[in-house]
Amino acid sequence: VEPEILFLDEPFSALDYEMTLFMREQLQRVFVETATTMVLVSHDLEEAVYLSDYVLLLSRHPARVVELVPYDAPRPRTDKTMSEPDFVATKAHCLKLFQREVHR
């Protein structure tokens, strides 16, 4: 199957952390090899930033776009990516936006 767009709705939510890390690597490998556009829904900010080129943060009901946050770290991303300053800053920015929206 070679879809133009792959929609993923919390694909790793039922997995333990070790398997989640493995599946992130596999999904990233598919992306690098195929350049397939992927839309990933996640409540996990680390996962969203790690896998995405853009994190689209939505507000609570009624849903609206809060911000489109770019993240342009080179691929393949590794476990070291999650401790790099750009990753930490992007995740912190997303968390700040999320917390602001929760307290509205």
PDB file of N, CA and C in Angstrom:
ATOM      1  N   VAL A   1       0.846  -1.175   0.000  1.00  0.00           N
ATOM      2  CA  VAL A   1       0.000   0.000   0.000  1.00  0.00           C
ATOM      3  C   VAL A   1       0.890   1.236   0.000  1.00  0.00           C
ATOM      4  N   GLU A   2       0.585   2.178  -0.866  1.00  0.00           N
ATOM      5  CA  GLU A   2       1.341   3.423  -0.935  1.00  0.00           C
ATOM      6  C   GLU A   2       0.388   4.619  -0.877  1.00  0.00           C
ATOM      7  N   PRO A   3      -0.130   4.924   0.308  1.00  0.00           N
ATOM      8  CA  PRO A   3      -1.083   6.026   0.420  1.00  0.00           C
ATOM      9  C   PRO A   3      -0.405   7.378   0.203  1.00  0.00           C
ATOM     10  N   GLU A   4      -1.185   8.347  -0.265  1.00  0.00           N
ATOM     11  CA  GLU A   4      -0.662   9.714  -0.383  1.00  0.00           C
ATOM     12  C   GLU A   4      -0.551  10.355   0.988  1.00  0.00           C
ATOM     13  N   ILE A   5      -1.515  10.049   1.851  1.00  0.00           N
ATOM     14  CA  ILE A   5      -1.527  10.570   3.216  1.00  0.00           C
ATOM     15  C   ILE A   5      -1.848   9.417   4.152  1.00  0.00           C
ATOM     16  N   LEU A   6      -1.128   9.356   5.256  1.00  0.00           N
ATOM     17  CA  LEU A   6      -1.367   8.339   6.268  1.00  0.00           C
ATOM     18  C   LEU A   6      -1.884   9.036   7.522  1.00  0.00           C
ATOM     19  N   PHE A   7      -3.108   8.693   7.933  1.00  0.00           N
ATOM     20  CA  PHE A   7      -3.709   9.277   9.133  1.00  0.00           C
ATOM     21  C   PHE A   7      -3.517   8.309  10.299  1.00  0.00           C
ATOM     22  N   LEU A   8      -2.932   8.803  11.390  1.00  0.00           N
ATOM     23  CA  LEU A   8      -2.630   7.973  12.564  1.00  0.00           C
ATOM     24  C   LEU A   8      -3.246   8.630  13.797  1.00  0.00           C
ATOM     25  N   ASP A   9      -4.193   7.954  14.424  1.00  0.00           N
ATOM     26  CA  ASP A   9      -4.867   8.478  15.601  1.00  0.00           C
ATOM     27  C   ASP A   9      -4.347   7.747  16.839  1.00  0.00           C
ATOM     28  N   GLU A  10      -3.427   8.378  17.551  1.00  0.00           N
ATOM     29  CA  GLU A  10      -2.788   7.826  18.742  1.00  0.00           C
ATOM     30  C   GLU A  10      -2.348   6.372  18.537  1.00  0.00           C
ATOM     31  N   PRO A  11      -1.506   6.130  17.549  1.00  0.00           N
ATOM     32  CA  PRO A  11      -1.158   4.751  17.200  1.00  0.00           C
ATOM     33  C   PRO A  11      -0.350   4.007  18.258  1.00  0.00           C
ATOM     34  N   PHE A  12       0.285   4.717  19.177  1.00  0.00           N
ATOM     35  CA  PHE A  12       1.137   4.050  20.158  1.00  0.00           C
ATOM     36  C   PHE A  12       0.569   4.112  21.573  1.00  0.00           C
ATOM     37  N   SER A  13      -0.648   4.559  21.730  1.00  0.00           N
ATOM     38  CA  SER A  13      -1.197   4.817  23.073  1.00  0.00           C
ATOM     39  C   SER A  13      -1.325   3.558  23.931  1.00  0.00           C
ATOM     40  N   ALA A  14      -1.462   2.394  23.338  1.00  0.00           N
ATOM     41  CA  ALA A  14      -1.631   1.166  24.130  1.00  0.00           C
ATOM     42  C   ALA A  14      -0.329   0.387  24.300  1.00  0.00           C
ATOM     43  N   LEU A  15       0.783   0.987  23.895  1.00  0.00           N
ATOM     44  CA  LEU A  15       2.063   0.288  23.946  1.00  0.00           C
ATOM     45  C   LEU A  15       2.886   0.712  25.160  1.00  0.00           C
ATOM     46  N   ASP A  16       3.759  -0.190  25.631  1.00  0.00           N
ATOM     47  CA  ASP A  16       4.678   0.201  26.692  1.00  0.00           C
ATOM     48  C   ASP A  16       5.751   1.114  26.091  1.00  0.00           C
ATOM     49  N   TYR A  17       6.530   1.750  26.950  1.00  0.00           N
ATOM     50  CA  TYR A  17       7.470   2.778  26.484  1.00  0.00           C
ATOM     51  C   TYR A  17       8.520   2.209  25.529  1.00  0.00           C
ATOM     52  N   GLU A  18       9.046   1.034  25.835  1.00  0.00           N
ATOM     53  CA  GLU A  18      10.065   0.427  24.970  1.00  0.00           C
ATOM     54  C   GLU A  18       9.517   0.163  23.568  1.00  0.00           C
ATOM     55  N   MET A  19       8.316  -0.391  23.490  1.00  0.00           N
ATOM     56  CA  MET A  19       7.710  -0.662  22.187  1.00  0.00           C
ATOM     57  C   MET A  19       7.343   0.647  21.480  1.00  0.00           C
ATOM     58  N   THR A  20       6.935   1.648  22.228  1.00  0.00           N
ATOM     59  CA  THR A  20       6.635   2.956  21.647  1.00  0.00           C
ATOM     60  C   THR A  20       7.878   3.530  20.976  1.00  0.00           C
ATOM     61  N   LEU A  21       9.016   3.465  21.650  1.00  0.00           N
ATOM     62  CA  LEU A  21      10.260   3.966  21.057  1.00  0.00           C
ATOM     63  C   LEU A  21      10.603   3.214  19.778  1.00  0.00           C
ATOM     64  N   PHE A  22      10.424   1.898  19.805  1.00  0.00           N
ATOM     65  CA  PHE A  22      10.687   1.080  18.623  1.00  0.00           C
ATOM     66  C   PHE A  22       9.763   1.479  17.472  1.00  0.00           C
ATOM     67  N   MET A  23       8.485   1.640  17.770  1.00  0.00           N
ATOM     68  CA  MET A  23       7.511   1.984  16.718  1.00  0.00           C
ATOM     69  C   MET A  23       7.745   3.398  16.179  1.00  0.00           C
ATOM     70  N   ARG A  24       8.194   4.313  17.026  1.00  0.00           N
ATOM     71  CA  ARG A  24       8.551   5.648  16.544  1.00  0.00           C
ATOM     72  C   ARG A  24       9.669   5.545  15.508  1.00  0.00           C
ATOM     73  N   GLU A  25      10.663   4.719  15.798  1.00  0.00           N
ATOM     74  CA  GLU A  25      11.766   4.528  14.857  1.00  0.00           C
ATOM     75  C   GLU A  25      11.268   3.950  13.538  1.00  0.00           C
ATOM     76  N   GLN A  26      10.353   2.973  13.626  1.00  0.00           N
ATOM     77  CA  GLN A  26       9.828   2.349  12.419  1.00  0.00           C
ATOM     78  C   GLN A  26       8.997   3.328  11.594  1.00  0.00           C
ATOM     79  N   LEU A  27       8.174   4.113  12.274  1.00  0.00           N
ATOM     80  CA  LEU A  27       7.368   5.104  11.562  1.00  0.00           C
ATOM     81  C   LEU A  27       8.262   6.140  10.899  1.00  0.00           C
ATOM     82  N   GLN A  28       9.278   6.561  11.584  1.00  0.00           N
ATOM     83  CA  GLN A  28      10.224   7.521  11.027  1.00  0.00           C
ATOM     84  C   GLN A  28      10.950   6.931   9.810  1.00  0.00           C
ATOM     85  N   ARG A  29      11.309   5.648   9.881  1.00  0.00           N
ATOM     86  CA  ARG A  29      11.961   4.975   8.761  1.00  0.00           C
ATOM     87  C   ARG A  29      11.045   4.970   7.536  1.00  0.00           C
ATOM     88  N   VAL A  30       9.777   4.665   7.744  1.00  0.00           N
ATOM     89  CA  VAL A  30       8.808   4.674   6.640  1.00  0.00           C
ATOM     90  C   VAL A  30       8.721   6.068   6.037  1.00  0.00           C
ATOM     91  N   PHE A  31       8.672   7.083   6.897  1.00  0.00           N
ATOM     92  CA  PHE A  31       8.593   8.459   6.408  1.00  0.00           C
ATOM     93  C   PHE A  31       9.820   8.819   5.573  1.00  0.00           C
ATOM     94  N   VAL A  32      11.000   8.501   6.066  1.00  0.00           N
ATOM     95  CA  VAL A  32      12.244   8.830   5.363  1.00  0.00           C
ATOM     96  C   VAL A  32      12.305   8.100   4.019  1.00  0.00           C
ATOM     97  N   GLU A  33      11.891   6.835   4.002  1.00  0.00           N
ATOM     98  CA  GLU A  33      11.962   6.036   2.776  1.00  0.00           C
ATOM     99  C   GLU A  33      10.904   6.408   1.752  1.00  0.00           C
ATOM    100  N   THR A  34       9.718   6.828   2.198  1.00  0.00           N
ATOM    101  CA  THR A  34       8.608   7.042   1.265  1.00  0.00           C
ATOM    102  C   THR A  34       8.204   8.501   1.087  1.00  0.00           C
ATOM    103  N   ALA A  35       8.585   9.359   2.023  1.00  0.00           N
ATOM    104  CA  ALA A  35       8.170  10.767   2.025  1.00  0.00           C
ATOM    105  C   ALA A  35       6.647  10.913   2.034  1.00  0.00           C
ATOM    106  N   THR A  36       5.969   9.922   2.598  1.00  0.00           N
ATOM    107  CA  THR A  36       4.513   9.978   2.713  1.00  0.00           C
ATOM    108  C   THR A  36       4.116  11.031   3.735  1.00  0.00           C
ATOM    109  N   THR A  37       3.156  11.864   3.384  1.00  0.00           N
ATOM    110  CA  THR A  37       2.614  12.826   4.339  1.00  0.00           C
ATOM    111  C   THR A  37       1.857  12.063   5.407  1.00  0.00           C
ATOM    112  N   MET A  38       2.133  12.397   6.669  1.00  0.00           N
ATOM    113  CA  MET A  38       1.468  11.729   7.786  1.00  0.00           C
ATOM    114  C   MET A  38       0.828  12.768   8.693  1.00  0.00           C
ATOM    115  N   VAL A  39      -0.383  12.466   9.114  1.00  0.00           N
ATOM    116  CA  VAL A  39      -1.081  13.288  10.098  1.00  0.00           C
ATOM    117  C   VAL A  39      -1.234  12.412  11.327  1.00  0.00           C
ATOM    118  N   LEU A  40      -0.584  12.828  12.418  1.00  0.00           N
ATOM    119  CA  LEU A  40      -0.546  12.037  13.646  1.00  0.00           C
ATOM    120  C   LEU A  40      -1.276  12.789  14.754  1.00  0.00           C
ATOM    121  N   VAL A  41      -2.262  12.146  15.346  1.00  0.00           N
ATOM    122  CA  VAL A  41      -2.956  12.705  16.503  1.00  0.00           C
ATOM    123  C   VAL A  41      -2.316  12.099  17.737  1.00  0.00           C
ATOM    124  N   SER A  42      -1.923  12.963  18.684  1.00  0.00           N
ATOM    125  CA  SER A  42      -1.302  12.476  19.911  1.00  0.00           C
ATOM    126  C   SER A  42      -1.567  13.447  21.045  1.00  0.00           C
ATOM    127  N   HIS A  43      -1.694  12.893  22.248  1.00  0.00           N
ATOM    128  CA  HIS A  43      -1.780  13.714  23.454  1.00  0.00           C
ATOM    129  C   HIS A  43      -0.424  13.773  24.150  1.00  0.00           C
ATOM    130  N   ASP A  44       0.578  13.166  23.549  1.00  0.00           N
ATOM    131  CA  ASP A  44       1.923  13.092  24.105  1.00  0.00           C
ATOM    132  C   ASP A  44       2.802  14.129  23.401  1.00  0.00           C
ATOM    133  N   LEU A  45       3.150  15.209  24.105  1.00  0.00           N
ATOM    134  CA  LEU A  45       3.936  16.282  23.487  1.00  0.00           C
ATOM    135  C   LEU A  45       5.298  15.806  23.010  1.00  0.00           C
ATOM    136  N   GLU A  46       5.949  14.952  23.789  1.00  0.00           N
ATOM    137  CA  GLU A  46       7.251  14.429  23.373  1.00  0.00           C
ATOM    138  C   GLU A  46       7.129  13.702  22.036  1.00  0.00           C
ATOM    139  N   GLU A  47       6.130  12.848  21.933  1.00  0.00           N
ATOM    140  CA  GLU A  47       5.895  12.102  20.699  1.00  0.00           C
ATOM    141  C   GLU A  47       5.576  13.039  19.534  1.00  0.00           C
ATOM    142  N   ALA A  48       4.728  14.025  19.789  1.00  0.00           N
ATOM    143  CA  ALA A  48       4.332  14.957  18.734  1.00  0.00           C
ATOM    144  C   ALA A  48       5.531  15.730  18.194  1.00  0.00           C
ATOM    145  N   VAL A  49       6.355  16.254  19.085  1.00  0.00           N
ATOM    146  CA  VAL A  49       7.516  17.024  18.647  1.00  0.00           C
ATOM    147  C   VAL A  49       8.531  16.113  17.966  1.00  0.00           C
ATOM    148  N   TYR A  50       8.783  14.959  18.550  1.00  0.00           N
ATOM    149  CA  TYR A  50       9.784  14.033  18.022  1.00  0.00           C
ATOM    150  C   TYR A  50       9.455  13.593  16.594  1.00  0.00           C
ATOM    151  N   LEU A  51       8.194  13.295  16.325  1.00  0.00           N
ATOM    152  CA  LEU A  51       7.823  12.741  15.027  1.00  0.00           C
ATOM    153  C   LEU A  51       7.451  13.788  13.981  1.00  0.00           C
ATOM    154  N   SER A  52       7.213  15.011  14.401  1.00  0.00           N
ATOM    155  CA  SER A  52       6.609  15.991  13.504  1.00  0.00           C
ATOM    156  C   SER A  52       7.580  17.010  12.944  1.00  0.00           C
ATOM    157  N   ASP A  53       7.185  17.553  11.810  1.00  0.00           N
ATOM    158  CA  ASP A  53       7.820  18.747  11.275  1.00  0.00           C
ATOM    159  C   ASP A  53       7.054  19.978  11.757  1.00  0.00           C
ATOM    160  N   TYR A  54       5.760  19.785  12.042  1.00  0.00           N
ATOM    161  CA  TYR A  54       4.893  20.836  12.582  1.00  0.00           C
ATOM    162  C   TYR A  54       3.973  20.206  13.614  1.00  0.00           C
ATOM    163  N   VAL A  55       3.843  20.868  14.753  1.00  0.00           N
ATOM    164  CA  VAL A  55       2.898  20.447  15.773  1.00  0.00           C
ATOM    165  C   VAL A  55       1.741  21.446  15.724  1.00  0.00           C
ATOM    166  N   LEU A  56       0.557  20.939  15.459  1.00  0.00           N
ATOM    167  CA  LEU A  56      -0.641  21.767  15.407  1.00  0.00           C
ATOM    168  C   LEU A  56      -1.360  21.607  16.741  1.00  0.00           C
ATOM    169  N   LEU A  57      -1.332  22.648  17.551  1.00  0.00           N
ATOM    170  CA  LEU A  57      -1.975  22.598  18.863  1.00  0.00           C
ATOM    171  C   LEU A  57      -3.399  23.126  18.753  1.00  0.00           C
ATOM    172  N   LEU A  58      -4.326  22.345  19.279  1.00  0.00           N
ATOM    173  CA  LEU A  58      -5.736  22.710  19.232  1.00  0.00           C
ATOM    174  C   LEU A  58      -6.233  23.082  20.619  1.00  0.00           C
ATOM    175  N   SER A  59      -7.221  23.970  20.671  1.00  0.00           N
ATOM    176  CA  SER A  59      -7.837  24.361  21.938  1.00  0.00           C
ATOM    177  C   SER A  59      -8.901  23.347  22.333  1.00  0.00           C
ATOM    178  N   ARG A  60      -9.427  23.558  23.523  1.00  0.00           N
ATOM    179  CA  ARG A  60     -10.570  22.746  23.944  1.00  0.00           C
ATOM    180  C   ARG A  60     -11.787  23.157  23.131  1.00  0.00           C
ATOM    181  N   HIS A  61     -12.882  22.465  23.376  1.00  0.00           N
ATOM    182  CA  HIS A  61     -14.135  22.696  22.646  1.00  0.00           C
ATOM    183  C   HIS A  61     -14.608  24.137  22.814  1.00  0.00           C
ATOM    184  N   PRO A  62     -15.002  24.804  21.774  1.00  0.00           N
ATOM    185  CA  PRO A  62     -14.916  24.355  20.382  1.00  0.00           C
ATOM    186  C   PRO A  62     -13.468  24.447  19.890  1.00  0.00           C
ATOM    187  N   ALA A  63     -13.030  23.404  19.240  1.00  0.00           N
ATOM    188  CA  ALA A  63     -11.634  23.324  18.809  1.00  0.00           C
ATOM    189  C   ALA A  63     -11.287  24.421  17.805  1.00  0.00           C
ATOM    190  N   ARG A  64     -10.141  25.030  18.066  1.00  0.00           N
ATOM    191  CA  ARG A  64      -9.581  26.007  17.139  1.00  0.00           C
ATOM    192  C   ARG A  64      -8.073  25.838  17.163  1.00  0.00           C
ATOM    193  N   VAL A  65      -7.418  26.287  16.128  1.00  0.00           N
ATOM    194  CA  VAL A  65      -5.966  26.195  16.082  1.00  0.00           C
ATOM    195  C   VAL A  65      -5.385  27.244  17.015  1.00  0.00           C
ATOM    196  N   VAL A  66      -4.586  26.793  17.987  1.00  0.00           N
ATOM    197  CA  VAL A  66      -3.906  27.693  18.903  1.00  0.00           C
ATOM    198  C   VAL A  66      -2.623  28.193  18.243  1.00  0.00           C
ATOM    199  N   GLU A  67      -1.856  27.256  17.708  1.00  0.00           N
ATOM    200  CA  GLU A  67      -0.616  27.632  17.027  1.00  0.00           C
ATOM    201  C   GLU A  67      -0.100  26.442  16.214  1.00  0.00           C
ATOM    202  N   LEU A  68       0.560  26.739  15.134  1.00  0.00           N
ATOM    203  CA  LEU A  68       1.280  25.755  14.333  1.00  0.00           C
ATOM    204  C   LEU A  68       2.759  25.944  14.660  1.00  0.00           C
ATOM    205  N   VAL A  69       3.334  24.973  15.374  1.00  0.00           N
ATOM    206  CA  VAL A  69       4.695  25.096  15.883  1.00  0.00           C
ATOM    207  C   VAL A  69       5.636  24.265  15.004  1.00  0.00           C
ATOM    208  N   PRO A  70       6.583  24.909  14.315  1.00  0.00           N
ATOM    209  CA  PRO A  70       7.521  24.148  13.483  1.00  0.00           C
ATOM    210  C   PRO A  70       8.620  23.503  14.316  1.00  0.00           C
ATOM    211  N   TYR A  71       9.088  22.359  13.835  1.00  0.00           N
ATOM    212  CA  TYR A  71      10.245  21.699  14.435  1.00  0.00           C
ATOM    213  C   TYR A  71      11.020  21.051  13.294  1.00  0.00           C
ATOM    214  N   ASP A  72      12.207  21.559  13.018  1.00  0.00           N
ATOM    215  CA  ASP A  72      12.918  21.142  11.808  1.00  0.00           C
ATOM    216  C   ASP A  72      14.226  20.405  12.072  1.00  0.00           C
ATOM    217  N   ALA A  73      14.276  19.610  13.131  1.00  0.00           N
ATOM    218  CA  ALA A  73      15.480  18.822  13.400  1.00  0.00           C
ATOM    219  C   ALA A  73      15.705  17.830  12.257  1.00  0.00           C
ATOM    220  N   PRO A  74      16.958  17.569  11.936  1.00  0.00           N
ATOM    221  CA  PRO A  74      17.240  16.624  10.854  1.00  0.00           C
ATOM    222  C   PRO A  74      16.781  15.204  11.190  1.00  0.00           C
ATOM    223  N   ARG A  75      16.535  14.450  10.166  1.00  0.00           N
ATOM    224  CA  ARG A  75      16.166  13.036  10.314  1.00  0.00           C
ATOM    225  C   ARG A  75      17.308  12.179   9.812  1.00  0.00           C
ATOM    226  N   PRO A  76      17.456  11.011  10.332  1.00  0.00           N
ATOM    227  CA  PRO A  76      16.601  10.403  11.344  1.00  0.00           C
ATOM    228  C   PRO A  76      16.866  11.004  12.719  1.00  0.00           C
ATOM    229  N   ARG A  77      15.805  11.117  13.479  1.00  0.00           N
ATOM    230  CA  ARG A  77      15.911  11.581  14.855  1.00  0.00           C
ATOM    231  C   ARG A  77      16.191  10.377  15.746  1.00  0.00           C
ATOM    232  N   THR A  78      16.924  10.609  16.800  1.00  0.00           N
ATOM    233  CA  THR A  78      17.316   9.516  17.692  1.00  0.00           C
ATOM    234  C   THR A  78      16.959   9.879  19.124  1.00  0.00           C
ATOM    235  N   ASP A  79      17.297   8.983  20.048  1.00  0.00           N
ATOM    236  CA  ASP A  79      17.043   9.286  21.460  1.00  0.00           C
ATOM    237  C   ASP A  79      17.809  10.523  21.896  1.00  0.00           C
ATOM    238  N   LYS A  80      18.943  10.809  21.260  1.00  0.00           N
ATOM    239  CA  LYS A  80      19.714  12.019  21.580  1.00  0.00           C
ATOM    240  C   LYS A  80      18.952  13.282  21.195  1.00  0.00           C
ATOM    241  N   THR A  81      18.101  13.178  20.181  1.00  0.00           N
ATOM    242  CA  THR A  81      17.301  14.321  19.739  1.00  0.00           C
ATOM    243  C   THR A  81      16.495  14.899  20.896  1.00  0.00           C
ATOM    244  N   MET A  82      15.978  14.024  21.751  1.00  0.00           N
ATOM    245  CA  MET A  82      15.093  14.465  22.829  1.00  0.00           C
ATOM    246  C   MET A  82      15.792  15.260  23.919  1.00  0.00           C
ATOM    247  N   SER A  83      17.119  15.298  23.898  1.00  0.00           N
ATOM    248  CA  SER A  83      17.840  16.108  24.884  1.00  0.00           C
ATOM    249  C   SER A  83      18.522  17.321  24.255  1.00  0.00           C
ATOM    250  N   GLU A  84      18.328  17.511  22.963  1.00  0.00           N
ATOM    251  CA  GLU A  84      18.923  18.671  22.296  1.00  0.00           C
ATOM    252  C   GLU A  84      18.140  19.941  22.646  1.00  0.00           C
ATOM    253  N   PRO A  85      18.839  21.070  22.737  1.00  0.00           N
ATOM    254  CA  PRO A  85      18.181  22.323  23.147  1.00  0.00           C
ATOM    255  C   PRO A  85      16.959  22.702  22.310  1.00  0.00           C
ATOM    256  N   ASP A  86      17.004  22.526  20.997  1.00  0.00           N
ATOM    257  CA  ASP A  86      15.849  22.877  20.151  1.00  0.00           C
ATOM    258  C   ASP A  86      14.636  22.012  20.473  1.00  0.00           C
ATOM    259  N   PHE A  87      14.869  20.728  20.708  1.00  0.00           N
ATOM    260  CA  PHE A  87      13.775  19.830  21.060  1.00  0.00           C
ATOM    261  C   PHE A  87      13.161  20.246  22.389  1.00  0.00           C
ATOM    262  N   VAL A  88      14.003  20.445  23.382  1.00  0.00           N
ATOM    263  CA  VAL A  88      13.531  20.826  24.716  1.00  0.00           C
ATOM    264  C   VAL A  88      12.766  22.149  24.655  1.00  0.00           C
ATOM    265  N   ALA A  89      13.285  23.113  23.905  1.00  0.00           N
ATOM    266  CA  ALA A  89      12.627  24.421  23.788  1.00  0.00           C
ATOM    267  C   ALA A  89      11.287  24.308  23.071  1.00  0.00           C
ATOM    268  N   THR A  90      11.228  23.511  22.015  1.00  0.00           N
ATOM    269  CA  THR A  90       9.974  23.347  21.274  1.00  0.00           C
ATOM    270  C   THR A  90       8.933  22.651  22.133  1.00  0.00           C
ATOM    271  N   LYS A  91       9.342  21.605  22.829  1.00  0.00           N
ATOM    272  CA  LYS A  91       8.420  20.900  23.715  1.00  0.00           C
ATOM    273  C   LYS A  91       7.934  21.826  24.835  1.00  0.00           C
ATOM    274  N   ALA A  92       8.830  22.610  25.405  1.00  0.00           N
ATOM    275  CA  ALA A  92       8.453  23.556  26.470  1.00  0.00           C
ATOM    276  C   ALA A  92       7.482  24.603  25.944  1.00  0.00           C
ATOM    277  N   HIS A  93       7.706  25.087  24.733  1.00  0.00           N
ATOM    278  CA  HIS A  93       6.801  26.076  24.132  1.00  0.00           C
ATOM    279  C   HIS A  93       5.406  25.468  23.947  1.00  0.00           C
ATOM    280  N   CYS A  94       5.360  24.241  23.444  1.00  0.00           N
ATOM    281  CA  CYS A  94       4.068  23.565  23.255  1.00  0.00           C
ATOM    282  C   CYS A  94       3.359  23.361  24.589  1.00  0.00           C
ATOM    283  N   LEU A  95       4.121  22.962  25.604  1.00  0.00           N
ATOM    284  CA  LEU A  95       3.541  22.759  26.929  1.00  0.00           C
ATOM    285  C   LEU A  95       2.979  24.061  27.486  1.00  0.00           C
ATOM    286  N   LYS A  96       3.696  25.156  27.297  1.00  0.00           N
ATOM    287  CA  LYS A  96       3.223  26.467  27.761  1.00  0.00           C
ATOM    288  C   LYS A  96       1.903  26.832  27.080  1.00  0.00           C
ATOM    289  N   LEU A  97       1.831  26.622  25.770  1.00  0.00           N
ATOM    290  CA  LEU A  97       0.593  26.907  25.040  1.00  0.00           C
ATOM    291  C   LEU A  97      -0.541  26.017  25.534  1.00  0.00           C
ATOM    292  N   PHE A  98      -0.241  24.757  25.725  1.00  0.00           N
ATOM    293  CA  PHE A  98      -1.243  23.804  26.208  1.00  0.00           C
ATOM    294  C   PHE A  98      -1.768  24.214  27.579  1.00  0.00           C
ATOM    295  N   GLN A  99      -0.865  24.530  28.491  1.00  0.00           N
ATOM    296  CA  GLN A  99      -1.280  24.928  29.843  1.00  0.00           C
ATOM    297  C   GLN A  99      -2.090  26.212  29.827  1.00  0.00           C
ATOM    298  N   ARG A 100      -1.717  27.151  28.969  1.00  0.00           N
ATOM    299  CA  ARG A 100      -2.479  28.395  28.844  1.00  0.00           C
ATOM    300  C   ARG A 100      -3.902  28.102  28.398  1.00  0.00           C
ATOM    301  N   GLU A 101      -4.060  27.186  27.459  1.00  0.00           N
ATOM    302  CA  GLU A 101      -5.391  26.854  26.947  1.00  0.00           C
ATOM    303  C   GLU A 101      -6.219  26.114  27.974  1.00  0.00           C
ATOM    304  N   VAL A 102      -5.607  25.267  28.759  1.00  0.00           N
ATOM    305  CA  VAL A 102      -6.334  24.496  29.777  1.00  0.00           C
ATOM    306  C   VAL A 102      -6.905  25.434  30.829  1.00  0.00           C
ATOM    307  N   HIS A 103      -6.183  26.506  31.149  1.00  0.00           N
ATOM    308  CA  HIS A 103      -6.606  27.414  32.219  1.00  0.00           C
ATOM    309  C   HIS A 103      -7.486  28.552  31.732  1.00  0.00           C
ATOM    310  N   ARG A 104      -7.909  28.509  30.517  1.00  0.00           N
ATOM    311  CA  ARG A 104      -8.819  29.558  29.990  1.00  0.00           C
ATOM    312  C   ARG A 104     -10.211  29.336  30.462  1.00  0.00           C
TER     313      ARG A 104
END
